[in-house]
Structure formats: C-alpha cells, structure tokens
Amino acid sequence: MDLFLIILPVLIIFSIGYLGQKIIGFDIKSISTVALYLMSPFLAFRTFFTNELTMDYFYIISFCLLLTVVLLIIVWITGVIMKATRPQLSAMILGGVFMNSGNYGAPVVLFAFGAVGFDYAVIMMVFQSLLMNTIGIFFAALGGEEKATLNQSFQRVIRMPLIYAAGLGILLQLLALSIPQPLMEGISLVADASIPTVMLVLGMQLAAISRKRVAYRYVSAVTVIRMIASPLIAVGILYFMPVSDLLKSVIIVQAAMPAAANTTIFALQFGTEPDLVSFTTFITTLVSIVSIPIVLFFLGV
C-alpha cells in the first residue's frame, strides 16, 4: 500500500487532466506546446546548470543508447514474426522503444527518491527527448502515409529548445558563471511549474485516446516488451556500469515507464497507425498502476 501511495499523487494529477478534458475539453496541443517549448527548457537549464558534470552523464547517455538499440531489435523481430505491416511495425516501435520518462517518470522518481534522484531523471528525460525526436520521428515517418525526409526530421530536432537550454546550463557551469538570485528564482518558478503541467497534459491526452480499429495482438506484444522486457534489459545493462545504487534505481524505474505520450502525436502527424499507438499508450499507462509499485518494491523503496 505504501508503494501505491508513492505514485498516488501522480495518478491524482493525471486524473484531474483526464476529467478536465472529458468535462470541459481543452486544446491539448496548445497546452502541450507551452509545456514543451516554454516551461520544460527552464527545468532542463536549472538541472544542467546546478548539477556538477560527472561520469554519471556519460553512463546515462550510454544506457539510453544501448536500451534503445536492444528494444529496437526486439520489437523489430517481434513484428516480423507477427507479420506486421510496415505501418504496424513502425507503430510497435513507437510504443515499445520510447518510454514516458518526462511527464510520468520524472514525477514518480521525485516522489520515490527525492530531489537528487529527480535531477538524474531530468538528465535522462532530456536525452530521451532527443532520441524520440530523431529515431522516433524517423520510424513514424517510415511507416506513415507520407514519408518525411531526413532533413525534415533534422529540422524538428533543431527546433527543440530543451536541447539548447540544457547546453546553455552546461556551458555556464563550465565557465563558472553565476546567476543573480532573483533571476534564478524566476527560472525555478517556471521549472517547478513544468512538472505538474506536463502531468496534466498526459491525463488530457489519455482522455482523447481512441481504441477503434485496434489490432489488439500488437498492443499486447508491445505492452509485454515495454512493461516487462524493458526494465529487465535495464537491469542487465546496468550490471556492467559502475554507477551508484540511486542512479541504478532511477534508471530502472524510468525504463519501466509506459509508452511515451508524444509518440501518439508523431503517429497522428504522419498517419502511422495512430489508433494502435494511442491505445498502446493507454493500456501501458493502466498497467503501470500495478507494475510501477512492483518495480519500486524490488528496488527496496
């Protein structure tokens, strides 16, 4: 019961967003854009500016790359065995490879491991965002109704302010430059507001999900990969990395997160089986209500 209470605050905020969307109805894209382009960059800047550069950055980036490659291979093989079409295979990749490390993973880590663990989660969130906006968009375009060029994918990446904010934070830290306290307080206000905002957005997105015309066998396969295989693979990768127990726990929890909500946006944009992708996000999020407390239990939280 105590483990469930850790994720209860997260679920409450999700529910508020869900009910608000069902009862009132909001322009989800506008709110999501505000959170992504105006608020999250402040969180990334503060995290990278205030946290000393260590080898942990290298291990987090290495882990994210390795996990992405392994999951890609597993999902690809599974899709081929199940004789999925190209759009279905791309949809499976979107749901199975990319976890919700931002508007779900980071808050759970905050409640489970505190501020230090949360900083690790934000670092991982920034790099996962980079992977999602490159590899994720590539596969969304590959299986979409209209193929996007590599240049279009690259343009999407370079428009992400999150990356520049993180880079600026690292640069100022390396230059040992200080920021006036009033300015830093303003940055922190926006940074702190970004987390509940993106959590509300996920609740709204879940409320707008459609389950019509869904091939449930693909949803089941991706759910197993996303919620069971991913954290187990994470444990295997971390066995060879000399990182602290806290960082290991944070990474495993992040790897156990449901499918990323942004993949639904990609699927809608490119016409890559959006119903399949969105319903996979919905199901994996429901499963996480049970699976995340189990993961936290095995981590000794």
C-alpha atoms as a PDB file:
ATOM      1  CA  MET A   1       0.000   0.000   0.000  1.00  0.00           C
ATOM      2  CA  ASP A   2       2.848   2.391   0.814  1.00  0.00           C
ATOM      3  CA  LEU A   3       4.315   1.797  -2.667  1.00  0.00           C
ATOM      4  CA  PHE A   4       0.999   2.681  -4.277  1.00  0.00           C
ATOM      5  CA  LEU A   5       0.928   5.885  -2.228  1.00  0.00           C
ATOM      6  CA  ILE A   6       4.201   6.905  -3.908  1.00  0.00           C
ATOM      7  CA  ILE A   7       2.545   7.066  -7.323  1.00  0.00           C
ATOM      8  CA  LEU A   8      -0.846   8.233  -5.972  1.00  0.00           C
ATOM      9  CA  PRO A   9      -0.009  11.974  -6.278  1.00  0.00           C
ATOM     10  CA  VAL A  10       0.965  11.369  -9.902  1.00  0.00           C
ATOM     11  CA  LEU A  11      -2.250   9.480 -10.617  1.00  0.00           C
ATOM     12  CA  ILE A  12      -4.329  12.214  -8.967  1.00  0.00           C
ATOM     13  CA  ILE A  13      -2.881  14.874 -11.278  1.00  0.00           C
ATOM     14  CA  PHE A  14      -3.345  12.571 -14.286  1.00  0.00           C
ATOM     15  CA  SER A  15      -6.982  12.114 -13.235  1.00  0.00           C
ATOM     16  CA  ILE A  16      -7.539  15.876 -12.963  1.00  0.00           C
ATOM     17  CA  GLY A  17      -6.262  16.321 -16.505  1.00  0.00           C
ATOM     18  CA  TYR A  18      -8.346  13.355 -17.697  1.00  0.00           C
ATOM     19  CA  LEU A  19     -11.568  14.615 -16.119  1.00  0.00           C
ATOM     20  CA  GLY A  20     -10.926  18.184 -17.212  1.00  0.00           C
ATOM     21  CA  GLN A  21     -10.565  17.059 -20.808  1.00  0.00           C
ATOM     22  CA  LYS A  22     -13.692  14.887 -20.646  1.00  0.00           C
ATOM     23  CA  ILE A  23     -15.874  17.505 -18.944  1.00  0.00           C
ATOM     24  CA  ILE A  24     -14.557  20.812 -20.305  1.00  0.00           C
ATOM     25  CA  GLY A  25     -12.378  19.934 -23.291  1.00  0.00           C
ATOM     26  CA  PHE A  26      -9.123  21.789 -23.847  1.00  0.00           C
ATOM     27  CA  ASP A  27      -6.863  22.463 -26.790  1.00  0.00           C
ATOM     28  CA  ILE A  28      -4.334  19.798 -25.785  1.00  0.00           C
ATOM     29  CA  LYS A  29      -1.846  20.716 -28.482  1.00  0.00           C
ATOM     30  CA  SER A  30      -1.588  24.330 -27.281  1.00  0.00           C
ATOM     31  CA  ILE A  31      -1.065  23.357 -23.648  1.00  0.00           C
ATOM     32  CA  SER A  32       1.410  20.657 -24.639  1.00  0.00           C
ATOM     33  CA  THR A  33       3.324  23.169 -26.765  1.00  0.00           C
ATOM     34  CA  VAL A  34       3.532  25.606 -23.838  1.00  0.00           C
ATOM     35  CA  ALA A  35       4.863  22.860 -21.563  1.00  0.00           C
ATOM     36  CA  LEU A  36       7.350  21.583 -24.135  1.00  0.00           C
ATOM     37  CA  TYR A  37       8.648  24.829 -25.612  1.00  0.00           C
ATOM     38  CA  LEU A  38       8.246  27.375 -22.796  1.00  0.00           C
ATOM     39  CA  MET A  39       8.379  25.539 -19.471  1.00  0.00           C
ATOM     40  CA  SER A  40      10.456  22.356 -19.801  1.00  0.00           C
ATOM     41  CA  PRO A  41      13.533  24.253 -21.104  1.00  0.00           C
ATOM     42  CA  PHE A  42      13.727  26.110 -17.772  1.00  0.00           C
ATOM     43  CA  LEU A  43      13.693  22.776 -15.942  1.00  0.00           C
ATOM     44  CA  ALA A  44      16.450  21.419 -18.184  1.00  0.00           C
ATOM     45  CA  PHE A  45      18.547  24.566 -17.784  1.00  0.00           C
ATOM     46  CA  ARG A  46      18.305  24.529 -13.993  1.00  0.00           C
ATOM     47  CA  THR A  47      19.150  20.834 -13.806  1.00  0.00           C
ATOM     48  CA  PHE A  48      22.238  21.033 -16.002  1.00  0.00           C
ATOM     49  CA  PHE A  49      23.390  24.342 -14.503  1.00  0.00           C
ATOM     50  CA  THR A  50      23.149  23.307 -10.856  1.00  0.00           C
ATOM     51  CA  ASN A  51      24.367  19.702 -11.120  1.00  0.00           C
ATOM     52  CA  GLU A  52      28.097  19.189 -11.438  1.00  0.00           C
ATOM     53  CA  LEU A  53      29.249  17.397 -14.576  1.00  0.00           C
ATOM     54  CA  THR A  54      30.340  13.877 -13.668  1.00  0.00           C
ATOM     55  CA  MET A  55      30.744  10.488 -15.301  1.00  0.00           C
ATOM     56  CA  ASP A  56      27.078   9.878 -14.454  1.00  0.00           C
ATOM     57  CA  TYR A  57      26.187  11.910 -17.559  1.00  0.00           C
ATOM     58  CA  PHE A  58      28.235   9.540 -19.716  1.00  0.00           C
ATOM     59  CA  TYR A  59      26.647   6.454 -18.154  1.00  0.00           C
ATOM     60  CA  ILE A  60      23.115   7.828 -18.543  1.00  0.00           C
ATOM     61  CA  ILE A  61      23.681   8.624 -22.230  1.00  0.00           C
ATOM     62  CA  SER A  62      25.340   5.249 -22.840  1.00  0.00           C
ATOM     63  CA  PHE A  63      22.479   3.449 -21.136  1.00  0.00           C
ATOM     64  CA  CYS A  64      19.815   5.276 -23.157  1.00  0.00           C
ATOM     65  CA  LEU A  65      21.559   4.422 -26.427  1.00  0.00           C
ATOM     66  CA  LEU A  66      22.050   0.759 -25.523  1.00  0.00           C
ATOM     67  CA  LEU A  67      18.477   0.303 -24.303  1.00  0.00           C
ATOM     68  CA  THR A  68      17.086   1.951 -27.434  1.00  0.00           C
ATOM     69  CA  VAL A  69      19.110  -0.308 -29.736  1.00  0.00           C
ATOM     70  CA  VAL A  70      18.205  -3.503 -27.862  1.00  0.00           C
ATOM     71  CA  LEU A  71      14.496  -2.638 -27.739  1.00  0.00           C
ATOM     72  CA  LEU A  72      14.521  -1.725 -31.428  1.00  0.00           C
ATOM     73  CA  ILE A  73      15.906  -5.143 -32.286  1.00  0.00           C
ATOM     74  CA  ILE A  74      13.412  -6.959 -30.049  1.00  0.00           C
ATOM     75  CA  VAL A  75      10.403  -5.043 -31.371  1.00  0.00           C
ATOM     76  CA  TRP A  76      11.565  -5.466 -34.965  1.00  0.00           C
ATOM     77  CA  ILE A  77      11.966  -9.236 -34.597  1.00  0.00           C
ATOM     78  CA  THR A  78       8.603  -9.493 -32.833  1.00  0.00           C
ATOM     79  CA  GLY A  79       6.898  -7.513 -35.576  1.00  0.00           C
ATOM     80  CA  VAL A  80       8.425  -9.658 -38.317  1.00  0.00           C
ATOM     81  CA  ILE A  81       7.364 -12.866 -36.550  1.00  0.00           C
ATOM     82  CA  MET A  82       3.832 -11.490 -36.156  1.00  0.00           C
ATOM     83  CA  LYS A  83       3.837 -10.492 -39.860  1.00  0.00           C
ATOM     84  CA  ALA A  84       3.102  -6.846 -39.098  1.00  0.00           C
ATOM     85  CA  THR A  85       2.752  -4.413 -41.982  1.00  0.00           C
ATOM     86  CA  ARG A  86       5.222  -1.540 -42.256  1.00  0.00           C
ATOM     87  CA  PRO A  87       2.843   0.957 -40.553  1.00  0.00           C
ATOM     88  CA  GLN A  88       2.070  -1.577 -37.799  1.00  0.00           C
ATOM     89  CA  LEU A  89       5.762  -2.294 -37.265  1.00  0.00           C
ATOM     90  CA  SER A  90       6.521   1.423 -37.000  1.00  0.00           C
ATOM     91  CA  ALA A  91       3.663   1.827 -34.522  1.00  0.00           C
ATOM     92  CA  MET A  92       5.039  -1.048 -32.445  1.00  0.00           C
ATOM     93  CA  ILE A  93       8.461   0.623 -32.398  1.00  0.00           C
ATOM     94  CA  LEU A  94       6.967   3.919 -31.238  1.00  0.00           C
ATOM     95  CA  GLY A  95       5.122   2.215 -28.386  1.00  0.00           C
ATOM     96  CA  GLY A  96       7.748  -0.319 -27.379  1.00  0.00           C
ATOM     97  CA  VAL A  97      11.013   1.620 -27.575  1.00  0.00           C
ATOM     98  CA  PHE A  98      10.208   5.054 -26.147  1.00  0.00           C
ATOM     99  CA  MET A  99       9.179   5.351 -22.509  1.00  0.00           C
ATOM    100  CA  ASN A 100       7.347   8.183 -20.793  1.00  0.00           C
ATOM    101  CA  SER A 101      10.379   9.452 -18.887  1.00  0.00           C
ATOM    102  CA  GLY A 102       9.151  13.045 -18.739  1.00  0.00           C
ATOM    103  CA  ASN A 103       5.571  13.643 -17.657  1.00  0.00           C
ATOM    104  CA  TYR A 104       5.304  10.316 -15.809  1.00  0.00           C
ATOM    105  CA  GLY A 105       8.781   9.015 -14.988  1.00  0.00           C
ATOM    106  CA  ALA A 106      10.268  12.214 -13.575  1.00  0.00           C
ATOM    107  CA  PRO A 107       7.406  12.871 -11.092  1.00  0.00           C
ATOM    108  CA  VAL A 108       7.436   9.251  -9.872  1.00  0.00           C
ATOM    109  CA  VAL A 109      11.202   9.444  -9.338  1.00  0.00           C
ATOM    110  CA  LEU A 110      10.732  12.710  -7.437  1.00  0.00           C
ATOM    111  CA  PHE A 111       8.231  11.158  -5.027  1.00  0.00           C
ATOM    112  CA  ALA A 112      10.206   7.911  -4.695  1.00  0.00           C
ATOM    113  CA  PHE A 113      13.818   9.139  -4.486  1.00  0.00           C
ATOM    114  CA  GLY A 114      13.715  12.860  -3.762  1.00  0.00           C
ATOM    115  CA  ALA A 115      15.460  15.834  -5.346  1.00  0.00           C
ATOM    116  CA  VAL A 116      18.763  14.096  -6.165  1.00  0.00           C
ATOM    117  CA  GLY A 117      17.014  11.250  -7.957  1.00  0.00           C
ATOM    118  CA  PHE A 118      14.819  13.774  -9.747  1.00  0.00           C
ATOM    119  CA  ASP A 119      17.873  15.552 -11.178  1.00  0.00           C
ATOM    120  CA  TYR A 120      19.040  12.240 -12.644  1.00  0.00           C
ATOM    121  CA  ALA A 121      15.561  11.731 -14.098  1.00  0.00           C
ATOM    122  CA  VAL A 122      15.597  15.144 -15.813  1.00  0.00           C
ATOM    123  CA  ILE A 123      19.007  14.437 -17.374  1.00  0.00           C
ATOM    124  CA  MET A 124      17.633  11.170 -18.739  1.00  0.00           C
ATOM    125  CA  MET A 125      14.439  12.919 -19.861  1.00  0.00           C
ATOM    126  CA  VAL A 126      16.396  15.445 -21.954  1.00  0.00           C
ATOM    127  CA  PHE A 127      18.398  12.767 -23.759  1.00  0.00           C
ATOM    128  CA  GLN A 128      15.331  10.557 -24.244  1.00  0.00           C
ATOM    129  CA  SER A 129      13.608  13.571 -25.790  1.00  0.00           C
ATOM    130  CA  LEU A 130      16.486  13.882 -28.249  1.00  0.00           C
ATOM    131  CA  LEU A 131      16.223  10.190 -29.172  1.00  0.00           C
ATOM    132  CA  MET A 132      12.455  10.384 -29.519  1.00  0.00           C
ATOM    133  CA  ASN A 133      12.651  13.431 -31.764  1.00  0.00           C
ATOM    134  CA  THR A 134      15.184  11.763 -34.061  1.00  0.00           C
ATOM    135  CA  ILE A 135      14.758   7.981 -34.114  1.00  0.00           C
ATOM    136  CA  GLY A 136      11.091   8.214 -33.134  1.00  0.00           C
ATOM    137  CA  ILE A 137      10.227  10.670 -35.887  1.00  0.00           C
ATOM    138  CA  PHE A 138      12.218   8.619 -38.402  1.00  0.00           C
ATOM    139  CA  PHE A 139      10.157   5.475 -37.745  1.00  0.00           C
ATOM    140  CA  ALA A 140       6.907   7.444 -37.566  1.00  0.00           C
ATOM    141  CA  ALA A 141       7.712   8.845 -40.994  1.00  0.00           C
ATOM    142  CA  LEU A 142       8.891   5.455 -42.288  1.00  0.00           C
ATOM    143  CA  GLY A 143       5.547   3.829 -41.540  1.00  0.00           C
ATOM    144  CA  GLY A 144       3.430   6.886 -42.236  1.00  0.00           C
ATOM    145  CA  GLU A 145       1.159   7.756 -45.101  1.00  0.00           C
ATOM    146  CA  GLU A 146       3.725  10.273 -46.346  1.00  0.00           C
ATOM    147  CA  LYS A 147       7.440   9.710 -45.870  1.00  0.00           C
ATOM    148  CA  ALA A 148       9.352  12.540 -44.256  1.00  0.00           C
ATOM    149  CA  THR A 149      12.835  13.331 -45.428  1.00  0.00           C
ATOM    150  CA  LEU A 150      15.874  13.187 -43.172  1.00  0.00           C
ATOM    151  CA  ASN A 151      16.107  16.966 -43.478  1.00  0.00           C
ATOM    152  CA  GLN A 152      12.557  17.361 -42.138  1.00  0.00           C
ATOM    153  CA  SER A 153      13.403  15.147 -39.181  1.00  0.00           C
ATOM    154  CA  PHE A 154      16.569  17.131 -38.536  1.00  0.00           C
ATOM    155  CA  GLN A 155      14.621  20.411 -38.667  1.00  0.00           C
ATOM    156  CA  ARG A 156      12.283  19.043 -35.999  1.00  0.00           C
ATOM    157  CA  VAL A 157      15.239  18.235 -33.750  1.00  0.00           C
ATOM    158  CA  ILE A 158      16.976  21.609 -34.048  1.00  0.00           C
ATOM    159  CA  ARG A 159      13.726  23.374 -33.124  1.00  0.00           C
ATOM    160  CA  MET A 160      13.676  21.706 -29.701  1.00  0.00           C
ATOM    161  CA  PRO A 161      14.522  24.428 -27.113  1.00  0.00           C
ATOM    162  CA  LEU A 162      15.042  21.753 -24.457  1.00  0.00           C
ATOM    163  CA  ILE A 163      18.372  20.835 -26.060  1.00  0.00           C
ATOM    164  CA  TYR A 164      19.619  24.424 -26.195  1.00  0.00           C
ATOM    165  CA  ALA A 165      18.558  25.079 -22.606  1.00  0.00           C
ATOM    166  CA  ALA A 166      20.469  22.025 -21.404  1.00  0.00           C
ATOM    167  CA  GLY A 167      23.511  23.063 -23.432  1.00  0.00           C
ATOM    168  CA  LEU A 168      23.387  26.598 -22.028  1.00  0.00           C
ATOM    169  CA  GLY A 169      23.218  25.229 -18.488  1.00  0.00           C
ATOM    170  CA  ILE A 170      26.290  23.064 -19.093  1.00  0.00           C
ATOM    171  CA  LEU A 171      28.169  25.969 -20.707  1.00  0.00           C
ATOM    172  CA  LEU A 172      27.512  28.373 -17.831  1.00  0.00           C
ATOM    173  CA  GLN A 173      28.534  25.697 -15.353  1.00  0.00           C
ATOM    174  CA  LEU A 174      31.830  25.061 -17.184  1.00  0.00           C
ATOM    175  CA  LEU A 175      32.505  28.796 -17.319  1.00  0.00           C
ATOM    176  CA  ALA A 176      31.759  29.015 -13.581  1.00  0.00           C
ATOM    177  CA  LEU A 177      29.370  31.900 -14.169  1.00  0.00           C
ATOM    178  CA  SER A 178      26.830  32.788 -11.516  1.00  0.00           C
ATOM    179  CA  ILE A 179      23.229  33.869 -11.996  1.00  0.00           C
ATOM    180  CA  PRO A 180      21.659  36.629  -9.838  1.00  0.00           C
ATOM    181  CA  GLN A 181      19.378  35.182  -7.166  1.00  0.00           C
ATOM    182  CA  PRO A 182      16.183  36.982  -8.340  1.00  0.00           C
ATOM    183  CA  LEU A 183      16.714  35.663 -11.873  1.00  0.00           C
ATOM    184  CA  MET A 184      17.352  32.142 -10.596  1.00  0.00           C
ATOM    185  CA  GLU A 185      14.182  32.286  -8.509  1.00  0.00           C
ATOM    186  CA  GLY A 186      12.204  33.220 -11.612  1.00  0.00           C
ATOM    187  CA  ILE A 187      13.761  30.335 -13.532  1.00  0.00           C
ATOM    188  CA  SER A 188      12.911  27.962 -10.680  1.00  0.00           C
ATOM    189  CA  LEU A 189       9.274  29.099 -10.588  1.00  0.00           C
ATOM    190  CA  VAL A 190       8.787  28.167 -14.244  1.00  0.00           C
ATOM    191  CA  ALA A 191      10.835  24.968 -13.842  1.00  0.00           C
ATOM    192  CA  ASP A 192       8.750  23.822 -10.868  1.00  0.00           C
ATOM    193  CA  ALA A 193       5.528  24.568 -12.739  1.00  0.00           C
ATOM    194  CA  SER A 194       6.561  22.465 -15.730  1.00  0.00           C
ATOM    195  CA  ILE A 195       6.192  19.113 -13.955  1.00  0.00           C
ATOM    196  CA  PRO A 196       2.510  19.366 -12.890  1.00  0.00           C
ATOM    197  CA  THR A 197       1.702  20.924 -16.267  1.00  0.00           C
ATOM    198  CA  VAL A 198       3.100  18.030 -18.296  1.00  0.00           C
ATOM    199  CA  MET A 199       1.346  15.614 -15.939  1.00  0.00           C
ATOM    200  CA  LEU A 200      -1.972  17.324 -16.612  1.00  0.00           C
ATOM    201  CA  VAL A 201      -1.256  17.135 -20.345  1.00  0.00           C
ATOM    202  CA  LEU A 202      -0.771  13.365 -20.165  1.00  0.00           C
ATOM    203  CA  GLY A 203      -4.139  12.999 -18.421  1.00  0.00           C
ATOM    204  CA  MET A 204      -5.738  15.080 -21.171  1.00  0.00           C
ATOM    205  CA  GLN A 205      -4.051  13.013 -23.874  1.00  0.00           C
ATOM    206  CA  LEU A 206      -5.282   9.780 -22.298  1.00  0.00           C
ATOM    207  CA  ALA A 207      -8.831  11.176 -22.273  1.00  0.00           C
ATOM    208  CA  ALA A 208      -8.630  11.854 -26.005  1.00  0.00           C
ATOM    209  CA  ILE A 209      -7.311   8.410 -26.957  1.00  0.00           C
ATOM    210  CA  SER A 210      -9.332   6.274 -29.328  1.00  0.00           C
ATOM    211  CA  ARG A 211      -9.392   2.471 -29.330  1.00  0.00           C
ATOM    212  CA  LYS A 212     -11.290   1.883 -32.542  1.00  0.00           C
ATOM    213  CA  ARG A 213      -9.780  -0.260 -35.279  1.00  0.00           C
ATOM    214  CA  VAL A 214      -7.004  -1.506 -33.000  1.00  0.00           C
ATOM    215  CA  ALA A 215      -5.148  -4.786 -33.622  1.00  0.00           C
ATOM    216  CA  TYR A 216      -5.060  -5.952 -30.003  1.00  0.00           C
ATOM    217  CA  ARG A 217      -2.433  -8.632 -30.514  1.00  0.00           C
ATOM    218  CA  TYR A 218       0.123  -5.956 -31.398  1.00  0.00           C
ATOM    219  CA  VAL A 219      -0.885  -3.920 -28.350  1.00  0.00           C
ATOM    220  CA  SER A 220      -0.367  -7.000 -26.165  1.00  0.00           C
ATOM    221  CA  ALA A 221       3.069  -7.713 -27.623  1.00  0.00           C
ATOM    222  CA  VAL A 222       4.247  -4.126 -27.200  1.00  0.00           C
ATOM    223  CA  THR A 223       2.866  -3.975 -23.651  1.00  0.00           C
ATOM    224  CA  VAL A 224       4.927  -7.004 -22.646  1.00  0.00           C
ATOM    225  CA  ILE A 225       8.065  -5.517 -24.213  1.00  0.00           C
ATOM    226  CA  ARG A 226       7.507  -2.045 -22.752  1.00  0.00           C
ATOM    227  CA  MET A 227       6.464  -3.028 -19.221  1.00  0.00           C
ATOM    228  CA  ILE A 228       8.382  -6.288 -18.605  1.00  0.00           C
ATOM    229  CA  ALA A 229      11.270  -6.662 -21.047  1.00  0.00           C
ATOM    230  CA  SER A 230      12.453  -3.048 -20.843  1.00  0.00           C
ATOM    231  CA  PRO A 231      13.171  -2.927 -17.068  1.00  0.00           C
ATOM    232  CA  LEU A 232      14.747  -6.402 -17.186  1.00  0.00           C
ATOM    233  CA  ILE A 233      17.045  -5.302 -20.025  1.00  0.00           C
ATOM    234  CA  ALA A 234      17.879  -2.206 -17.983  1.00  0.00           C
ATOM    235  CA  VAL A 235      18.980  -4.391 -15.078  1.00  0.00           C
ATOM    236  CA  GLY A 236      21.232  -6.370 -17.431  1.00  0.00           C
ATOM    237  CA  ILE A 237      22.840  -3.244 -18.911  1.00  0.00           C
ATOM    238  CA  LEU A 238      23.388  -1.648 -15.505  1.00  0.00           C
ATOM    239  CA  TYR A 239      25.170  -4.777 -14.261  1.00  0.00           C
ATOM    240  CA  PHE A 240      28.173  -3.657 -16.323  1.00  0.00           C
ATOM    241  CA  MET A 241      28.049   0.017 -15.305  1.00  0.00           C
ATOM    242  CA  PRO A 242      29.833   1.293 -12.168  1.00  0.00           C
ATOM    243  CA  VAL A 243      27.101   3.698 -11.061  1.00  0.00           C
ATOM    244  CA  SER A 244      25.574   4.425  -7.668  1.00  0.00           C
ATOM    245  CA  ASP A 245      22.612   2.460  -6.339  1.00  0.00           C
ATOM    246  CA  LEU A 246      20.464   5.590  -6.521  1.00  0.00           C
ATOM    247  CA  LEU A 247      21.219   6.146 -10.205  1.00  0.00           C
ATOM    248  CA  LYS A 248      20.585   2.462 -10.932  1.00  0.00           C
ATOM    249  CA  SER A 249      17.201   2.683  -9.231  1.00  0.00           C
ATOM    250  CA  VAL A 250      16.243   5.849 -11.117  1.00  0.00           C
ATOM    251  CA  ILE A 251      17.206   4.350 -14.483  1.00  0.00           C
ATOM    252  CA  ILE A 252      15.314   1.099 -13.833  1.00  0.00           C
ATOM    253  CA  VAL A 253      12.173   2.991 -12.812  1.00  0.00           C
ATOM    254  CA  GLN A 254      12.433   5.134 -15.944  1.00  0.00           C
ATOM    255  CA  ALA A 255      12.898   2.035 -18.111  1.00  0.00           C
ATOM    256  CA  ALA A 256       9.731   0.566 -16.588  1.00  0.00           C
ATOM    257  CA  MET A 257       7.579   3.517 -17.608  1.00  0.00           C
ATOM    258  CA  PRO A 258       4.686   3.148 -20.076  1.00  0.00           C
ATOM    259  CA  ALA A 259       4.815   4.230 -23.706  1.00  0.00           C
ATOM    260  CA  ALA A 260       5.621   7.911 -24.251  1.00  0.00           C
ATOM    261  CA  ALA A 261       2.582  10.095 -24.880  1.00  0.00           C
ATOM    262  CA  ASN A 262       4.449  12.106 -27.536  1.00  0.00           C
ATOM    263  CA  THR A 263       4.575   9.054 -29.787  1.00  0.00           C
ATOM    264  CA  THR A 264       0.823   9.474 -30.283  1.00  0.00           C
ATOM    265  CA  ILE A 265       1.463  12.981 -31.609  1.00  0.00           C
ATOM    266  CA  PHE A 266       4.057  11.595 -34.046  1.00  0.00           C
ATOM    267  CA  ALA A 267       1.675   8.857 -35.176  1.00  0.00           C
ATOM    268  CA  LEU A 268      -1.107  11.379 -35.800  1.00  0.00           C
ATOM    269  CA  GLN A 269       1.226  13.718 -37.659  1.00  0.00           C
ATOM    270  CA  PHE A 270       2.493  11.068 -40.075  1.00  0.00           C
ATOM    271  CA  GLY A 271      -0.575   8.785 -40.187  1.00  0.00           C
ATOM    272  CA  THR A 272       1.312   5.848 -38.626  1.00  0.00           C
ATOM    273  CA  GLU A 273      -1.483   3.701 -37.173  1.00  0.00           C
ATOM    274  CA  PRO A 274      -2.427   6.424 -34.625  1.00  0.00           C
ATOM    275  CA  ASP A 275      -5.174   4.297 -33.034  1.00  0.00           C
ATOM    276  CA  LEU A 276      -2.711   1.487 -32.372  1.00  0.00           C
ATOM    277  CA  VAL A 277      -0.109   3.849 -30.898  1.00  0.00           C
ATOM    278  CA  SER A 278      -2.572   5.785 -28.754  1.00  0.00           C
ATOM    279  CA  PHE A 279      -4.257   2.678 -27.379  1.00  0.00           C
ATOM    280  CA  THR A 280      -0.846   1.182 -26.568  1.00  0.00           C
ATOM    281  CA  THR A 281      -0.083   4.329 -24.556  1.00  0.00           C
ATOM    282  CA  PHE A 282      -3.398   3.999 -22.741  1.00  0.00           C
ATOM    283  CA  ILE A 283      -3.001   0.296 -21.891  1.00  0.00           C
ATOM    284  CA  THR A 284       0.636   0.562 -20.764  1.00  0.00           C
ATOM    285  CA  THR A 285      -0.296   3.517 -18.557  1.00  0.00           C
ATOM    286  CA  LEU A 286      -3.066   1.472 -16.928  1.00  0.00           C
ATOM    287  CA  VAL A 287      -0.702  -1.470 -16.421  1.00  0.00           C
ATOM    288  CA  SER A 288       1.851   0.856 -14.824  1.00  0.00           C
ATOM    289  CA  ILE A 289      -0.515   1.496 -11.898  1.00  0.00           C
ATOM    290  CA  VAL A 290       0.297  -2.049 -10.802  1.00  0.00           C
ATOM    291  CA  SER A 291       3.726  -2.592 -12.350  1.00  0.00           C
ATOM    292  CA  ILE A 292       5.480   0.546 -11.051  1.00  0.00           C
ATOM    293  CA  PRO A 293       4.806  -0.264  -7.360  1.00  0.00           C
ATOM    294  CA  ILE A 294       6.135  -3.790  -8.046  1.00  0.00           C
ATOM    295  CA  VAL A 295       9.340  -2.346  -9.547  1.00  0.00           C
ATOM    296  CA  LEU A 296       9.714   0.004  -6.558  1.00  0.00           C
ATOM    297  CA  PHE A 297       9.255  -2.965  -4.211  1.00  0.00           C
ATOM    298  CA  PHE A 298      12.064  -4.933  -5.858  1.00  0.00           C
ATOM    299  CA  LEU A 299      14.261  -1.835  -5.681  1.00  0.00           C
ATOM    300  CA  GLY A 300      13.725  -1.734  -1.940  1.00  0.00           C
ATOM    301  CA  VAL A 301      11.864   1.583  -1.821  1.00  0.00           C
END
